[in-house]
Every structure is written in C-alpha cells, then in structure tokens.
Amino acid sequence: MIKVFVKKQGNFPVSSIKIKNLLSKFFTDHGIVSDSDVNVVIIGKEEMEALGKKYLSPNEPVHNVLSFTGAESKKVFLDPPDDILHLGDIAVCYPKCIDEAKKEGIIVEEKVIELIEHGAYHLLGIHHG
C-alpha cells in the first residue's frame, strides 16, 4: 500500500484527496508495489526559498517544485527497519503555482497537480534534460 501524506502550510485550496489518489496511481503505474510512503508539502515563497538555499545554492531563485529522495534528505536505509519504502518528499510553492497558472490559462489546482507529478518523476530518478 502506498501512503501519501499531505501537509499544507496555509489554507491553500487544493484537494488532499486528489493528491493522494494521483500519487497512489502514479507510483503503482510505475511499478511500486511494496509498502511505501511519500510526503507532499504545499508551502509559501519564503519556505520554498529557504529550501532552495539549504539544499541547492544560496543564489537559487524560488522554485515552483522541489523533490528529495530519502537519500537526499538523509533518511535512507539499505534495509528499512520498518519494511516501508520511503520514496521521499515533494514541496510545491503555492504562490508560484498561482503565477504560472495565470500565465498558462489553467486552474491553479491543475498546476499544483502537474508539479506534484513532476516531482514524483524525480523521486523515481526520471529527470528532464
């Protein structure tokens, strides 16, 4: 079973149920069949900027999405003691989603979902290039 944990920093109008259903199906469709979990946080610009500075570079612009595997966040085990595959963390910057959704002419929640899926690809090691 894939468990998806969603935390919103503010009262951002995004459906946690949609996110959970999306990621459960996404990881299952990509071959994850063991017990596993993934964390999603929807945060503001200041928090995203702090993550970028901490994990990337002090001069990084504010990203719309960041993802961190267990290895990147120092939570990796060769044989997890709880037998759960910890896929990682996905952070989405809600204010950036608002700006990008306006430019693209789409609903903000669609943009959030698109970026969460993008982050999930990164957790699987699939990167754009």
C-alpha atoms as a PDB file:
ATOM      1  CA  MET A   1       0.000   0.000   0.000  1.00  0.00           C
ATOM      2  CA  ILE A   2       1.242   3.465  -0.863  1.00  0.00           C
ATOM      3  CA  LYS A   3       0.601   6.077   1.803  1.00  0.00           C
ATOM      4  CA  VAL A   4       0.601   9.709   0.772  1.00  0.00           C
ATOM      5  CA  PHE A   5       0.915  12.353   3.465  1.00  0.00           C
ATOM      6  CA  VAL A   6      -0.141  15.879   2.514  1.00  0.00           C
ATOM      7  CA  LYS A   7       0.578  18.955   4.598  1.00  0.00           C
ATOM      8  CA  LYS A   8      -0.457  22.468   3.639  1.00  0.00           C
ATOM      9  CA  GLN A   9       1.301  25.388   5.249  1.00  0.00           C
ATOM     10  CA  GLY A  10      -1.725  27.597   4.765  1.00  0.00           C
ATOM     11  CA  ASN A  11      -5.334  27.201   3.797  1.00  0.00           C
ATOM     12  CA  PHE A  12      -4.425  26.574   0.167  1.00  0.00           C
ATOM     13  CA  PRO A  13      -7.487  25.387  -1.796  1.00  0.00           C
ATOM     14  CA  VAL A  14      -6.027  22.148  -3.137  1.00  0.00           C
ATOM     15  CA  SER A  15      -7.681  18.777  -2.628  1.00  0.00           C
ATOM     16  CA  SER A  16      -5.568  16.452  -0.494  1.00  0.00           C
ATOM     17  CA  ILE A  17      -7.705  13.566  -1.751  1.00  0.00           C
ATOM     18  CA  LYS A  18      -6.819  14.397  -5.387  1.00  0.00           C
ATOM     19  CA  ILE A  19      -3.126  14.480  -4.490  1.00  0.00           C
ATOM     20  CA  LYS A  20      -3.317  11.157  -2.640  1.00  0.00           C
ATOM     21  CA  ASN A  21      -5.217   9.466  -5.483  1.00  0.00           C
ATOM     22  CA  LEU A  22      -2.842  10.877  -8.105  1.00  0.00           C
ATOM     23  CA  LEU A  23       0.310   9.704  -6.358  1.00  0.00           C
ATOM     24  CA  SER A  24      -1.066   6.302  -5.371  1.00  0.00           C
ATOM     25  CA  LYS A  25      -1.957   5.612  -9.005  1.00  0.00           C
ATOM     26  CA  PHE A  26       1.259   7.211 -10.331  1.00  0.00           C
ATOM     27  CA  PHE A  27       3.608   5.087  -8.235  1.00  0.00           C
ATOM     28  CA  THR A  28       1.582   1.903  -8.748  1.00  0.00           C
ATOM     29  CA  ASP A  29       1.608   2.510 -12.527  1.00  0.00           C
ATOM     30  CA  HIS A  30       5.397   2.917 -12.305  1.00  0.00           C
ATOM     31  CA  GLY A  31       5.935  -0.420 -10.582  1.00  0.00           C
ATOM     32  CA  ILE A  32       5.955   0.490  -6.894  1.00  0.00           C
ATOM     33  CA  VAL A  33       4.047  -2.384  -5.321  1.00  0.00           C
ATOM     34  CA  SER A  34       5.629  -2.677  -1.870  1.00  0.00           C
ATOM     35  CA  ASP A  35       4.510  -0.786   1.201  1.00  0.00           C
ATOM     36  CA  SER A  36       5.756   2.754   0.686  1.00  0.00           C
ATOM     37  CA  ASP A  37       5.139   6.360   1.553  1.00  0.00           C
ATOM     38  CA  VAL A  38       5.663   9.830   0.136  1.00  0.00           C
ATOM     39  CA  ASN A  39       5.293  13.259   1.721  1.00  0.00           C
ATOM     40  CA  VAL A  40       3.869  16.308  -0.046  1.00  0.00           C
ATOM     41  CA  VAL A  41       4.027  19.816   1.376  1.00  0.00           C
ATOM     42  CA  ILE A  42       2.391  22.864  -0.155  1.00  0.00           C
ATOM     43  CA  ILE A  43       4.199  25.940   1.082  1.00  0.00           C
ATOM     44  CA  GLY A  44       4.712  29.667   0.565  1.00  0.00           C
ATOM     45  CA  LYS A  45       7.542  31.514  -1.178  1.00  0.00           C
ATOM     46  CA  GLU A  46       9.640  32.119   1.935  1.00  0.00           C
ATOM     47  CA  GLU A  47       9.695  28.449   2.855  1.00  0.00           C
ATOM     48  CA  MET A  48      10.499  27.401  -0.724  1.00  0.00           C
ATOM     49  CA  GLU A  49      13.279  29.961  -0.875  1.00  0.00           C
ATOM     50  CA  ALA A  50      14.720  28.565   2.374  1.00  0.00           C
ATOM     51  CA  LEU A  51      14.645  25.013   0.964  1.00  0.00           C
ATOM     52  CA  GLY A  52      16.397  26.146  -2.207  1.00  0.00           C
ATOM     53  CA  LYS A  53      19.125  27.879  -0.241  1.00  0.00           C
ATOM     54  CA  LYS A  54      19.582  24.920   2.108  1.00  0.00           C
ATOM     55  CA  TYR A  55      19.673  22.140  -0.483  1.00  0.00           C
ATOM     56  CA  LEU A  56      20.708  23.810  -3.742  1.00  0.00           C
ATOM     57  CA  SER A  57      22.503  27.147  -3.626  1.00  0.00           C
ATOM     58  CA  PRO A  58      22.227  30.421  -1.715  1.00  0.00           C
ATOM     59  CA  ASN A  59      21.631  32.229  -5.026  1.00  0.00           C
ATOM     60  CA  GLU A  60      18.832  29.975  -6.288  1.00  0.00           C
ATOM     61  CA  PRO A  61      15.598  31.617  -7.427  1.00  0.00           C
ATOM     62  CA  VAL A  62      12.389  30.428  -5.804  1.00  0.00           C
ATOM     63  CA  HIS A  63      11.434  27.115  -7.411  1.00  0.00           C
ATOM     64  CA  ASN A  64       7.902  26.007  -8.155  1.00  0.00           C
ATOM     65  CA  VAL A  65       8.616  22.421  -7.032  1.00  0.00           C
ATOM     66  CA  LEU A  66      11.436  20.562  -5.316  1.00  0.00           C
ATOM     67  CA  SER A  67      11.685  16.871  -4.591  1.00  0.00           C
ATOM     68  CA  PHE A  68      14.044  14.979  -2.347  1.00  0.00           C
ATOM     69  CA  THR A  69      14.547  11.235  -2.249  1.00  0.00           C
ATOM     70  CA  GLY A  70      15.246   9.543   1.058  1.00  0.00           C
ATOM     71  CA  ALA A  71      18.958   9.525   0.187  1.00  0.00           C
ATOM     72  CA  GLU A  72      18.950  13.284  -0.428  1.00  0.00           C
ATOM     73  CA  SER A  73      17.222  14.017   2.859  1.00  0.00           C
ATOM     74  CA  LYS A  74      19.500  11.576   4.736  1.00  0.00           C
ATOM     75  CA  LYS A  75      16.649   9.171   5.515  1.00  0.00           C
ATOM     76  CA  VAL A  76      17.896   6.203   3.519  1.00  0.00           C
ATOM     77  CA  PHE A  77      18.382   2.663   4.793  1.00  0.00           C
ATOM     78  CA  LEU A  78      19.632  -0.333   2.825  1.00  0.00           C
ATOM     79  CA  ASP A  79      17.088  -2.432   4.681  1.00  0.00           C
ATOM     80  CA  PRO A  80      14.469  -0.126   6.191  1.00  0.00           C
ATOM     81  CA  PRO A  81      13.759  -1.147   9.790  1.00  0.00           C
ATOM     82  CA  ASP A  82      10.028  -0.735   9.237  1.00  0.00           C
ATOM     83  CA  ASP A  83       9.999  -2.517   5.825  1.00  0.00           C
ATOM     84  CA  ILE A  84       8.471   0.581   4.230  1.00  0.00           C
ATOM     85  CA  LEU A  85       9.985   2.136   1.128  1.00  0.00           C
ATOM     86  CA  HIS A  86      10.246   5.859   1.865  1.00  0.00           C
ATOM     87  CA  LEU A  87      10.006   7.405  -1.604  1.00  0.00           C
ATOM     88  CA  GLY A  88      10.791  10.950  -0.492  1.00  0.00           C
ATOM     89  CA  ASP A  89       9.374  14.438  -0.219  1.00  0.00           C
ATOM     90  CA  ILE A  90       7.769  16.800  -2.725  1.00  0.00           C
ATOM     91  CA  ALA A  91       7.477  20.516  -1.936  1.00  0.00           C
ATOM     92  CA  VAL A  92       5.278  22.791  -4.058  1.00  0.00           C
ATOM     93  CA  CYS A  93       5.280  26.587  -3.833  1.00  0.00           C
ATOM     94  CA  TYR A  94       1.619  27.632  -3.996  1.00  0.00           C
ATOM     95  CA  PRO A  95       2.227  31.330  -4.841  1.00  0.00           C
ATOM     96  CA  LYS A  96       4.409  30.268  -7.798  1.00  0.00           C
ATOM     97  CA  CYS A  97       1.578  27.985  -8.937  1.00  0.00           C
ATOM     98  CA  ILE A  98      -0.818  30.945  -8.919  1.00  0.00           C
ATOM     99  CA  ASP A  99       1.538  32.996 -11.126  1.00  0.00           C
ATOM    100  CA  GLU A 100       2.213  30.135 -13.537  1.00  0.00           C
ATOM    101  CA  ALA A 101      -1.440  29.078 -13.772  1.00  0.00           C
ATOM    102  CA  LYS A 102      -2.435  32.645 -14.720  1.00  0.00           C
ATOM    103  CA  LYS A 103       0.232  32.750 -17.451  1.00  0.00           C
ATOM    104  CA  GLU A 104      -0.820  29.332 -18.786  1.00  0.00           C
ATOM    105  CA  GLY A 105      -4.557  29.989 -18.530  1.00  0.00           C
ATOM    106  CA  ILE A 106      -5.239  26.973 -16.316  1.00  0.00           C
ATOM    107  CA  ILE A 107      -6.762  26.400 -12.884  1.00  0.00           C
ATOM    108  CA  VAL A 108      -4.282  26.757 -10.020  1.00  0.00           C
ATOM    109  CA  GLU A 109      -5.079  23.278  -8.669  1.00  0.00           C
ATOM    110  CA  GLU A 110      -4.221  21.810 -12.108  1.00  0.00           C
ATOM    111  CA  LYS A 111      -0.812  23.475 -11.902  1.00  0.00           C
ATOM    112  CA  VAL A 112      -0.242  22.127  -8.395  1.00  0.00           C
ATOM    113  CA  ILE A 113      -1.137  18.598  -9.541  1.00  0.00           C
ATOM    114  CA  GLU A 114       1.134  18.934 -12.611  1.00  0.00           C
ATOM    115  CA  LEU A 115       4.069  19.963 -10.429  1.00  0.00           C
ATOM    116  CA  ILE A 116       3.455  17.190  -7.903  1.00  0.00           C
ATOM    117  CA  GLU A 117       3.565  14.665 -10.735  1.00  0.00           C
ATOM    118  CA  HIS A 118       6.771  16.305 -11.997  1.00  0.00           C
ATOM    119  CA  GLY A 119       8.288  15.914  -8.533  1.00  0.00           C
ATOM    120  CA  ALA A 120       7.164  12.282  -8.388  1.00  0.00           C
ATOM    121  CA  TYR A 121       9.084  11.556 -11.610  1.00  0.00           C
ATOM    122  CA  HIS A 122      12.184  12.961  -9.932  1.00  0.00           C
ATOM    123  CA  LEU A 123      11.669  10.671  -6.940  1.00  0.00           C
ATOM    124  CA  LEU A 124      11.797   7.745  -9.372  1.00  0.00           C
ATOM    125  CA  GLY A 125      15.039   9.058 -10.867  1.00  0.00           C
ATOM    126  CA  ILE A 126      13.391  10.274 -14.080  1.00  0.00           C
ATOM    127  CA  HIS A 127      14.680  13.740 -14.877  1.00  0.00           C
ATOM    128  CA  HIS A 128      14.056  16.161 -17.692  1.00  0.00           C
ATOM    129  CA  GLY A 129      17.003  17.146 -19.746  1.00  0.00           C
END
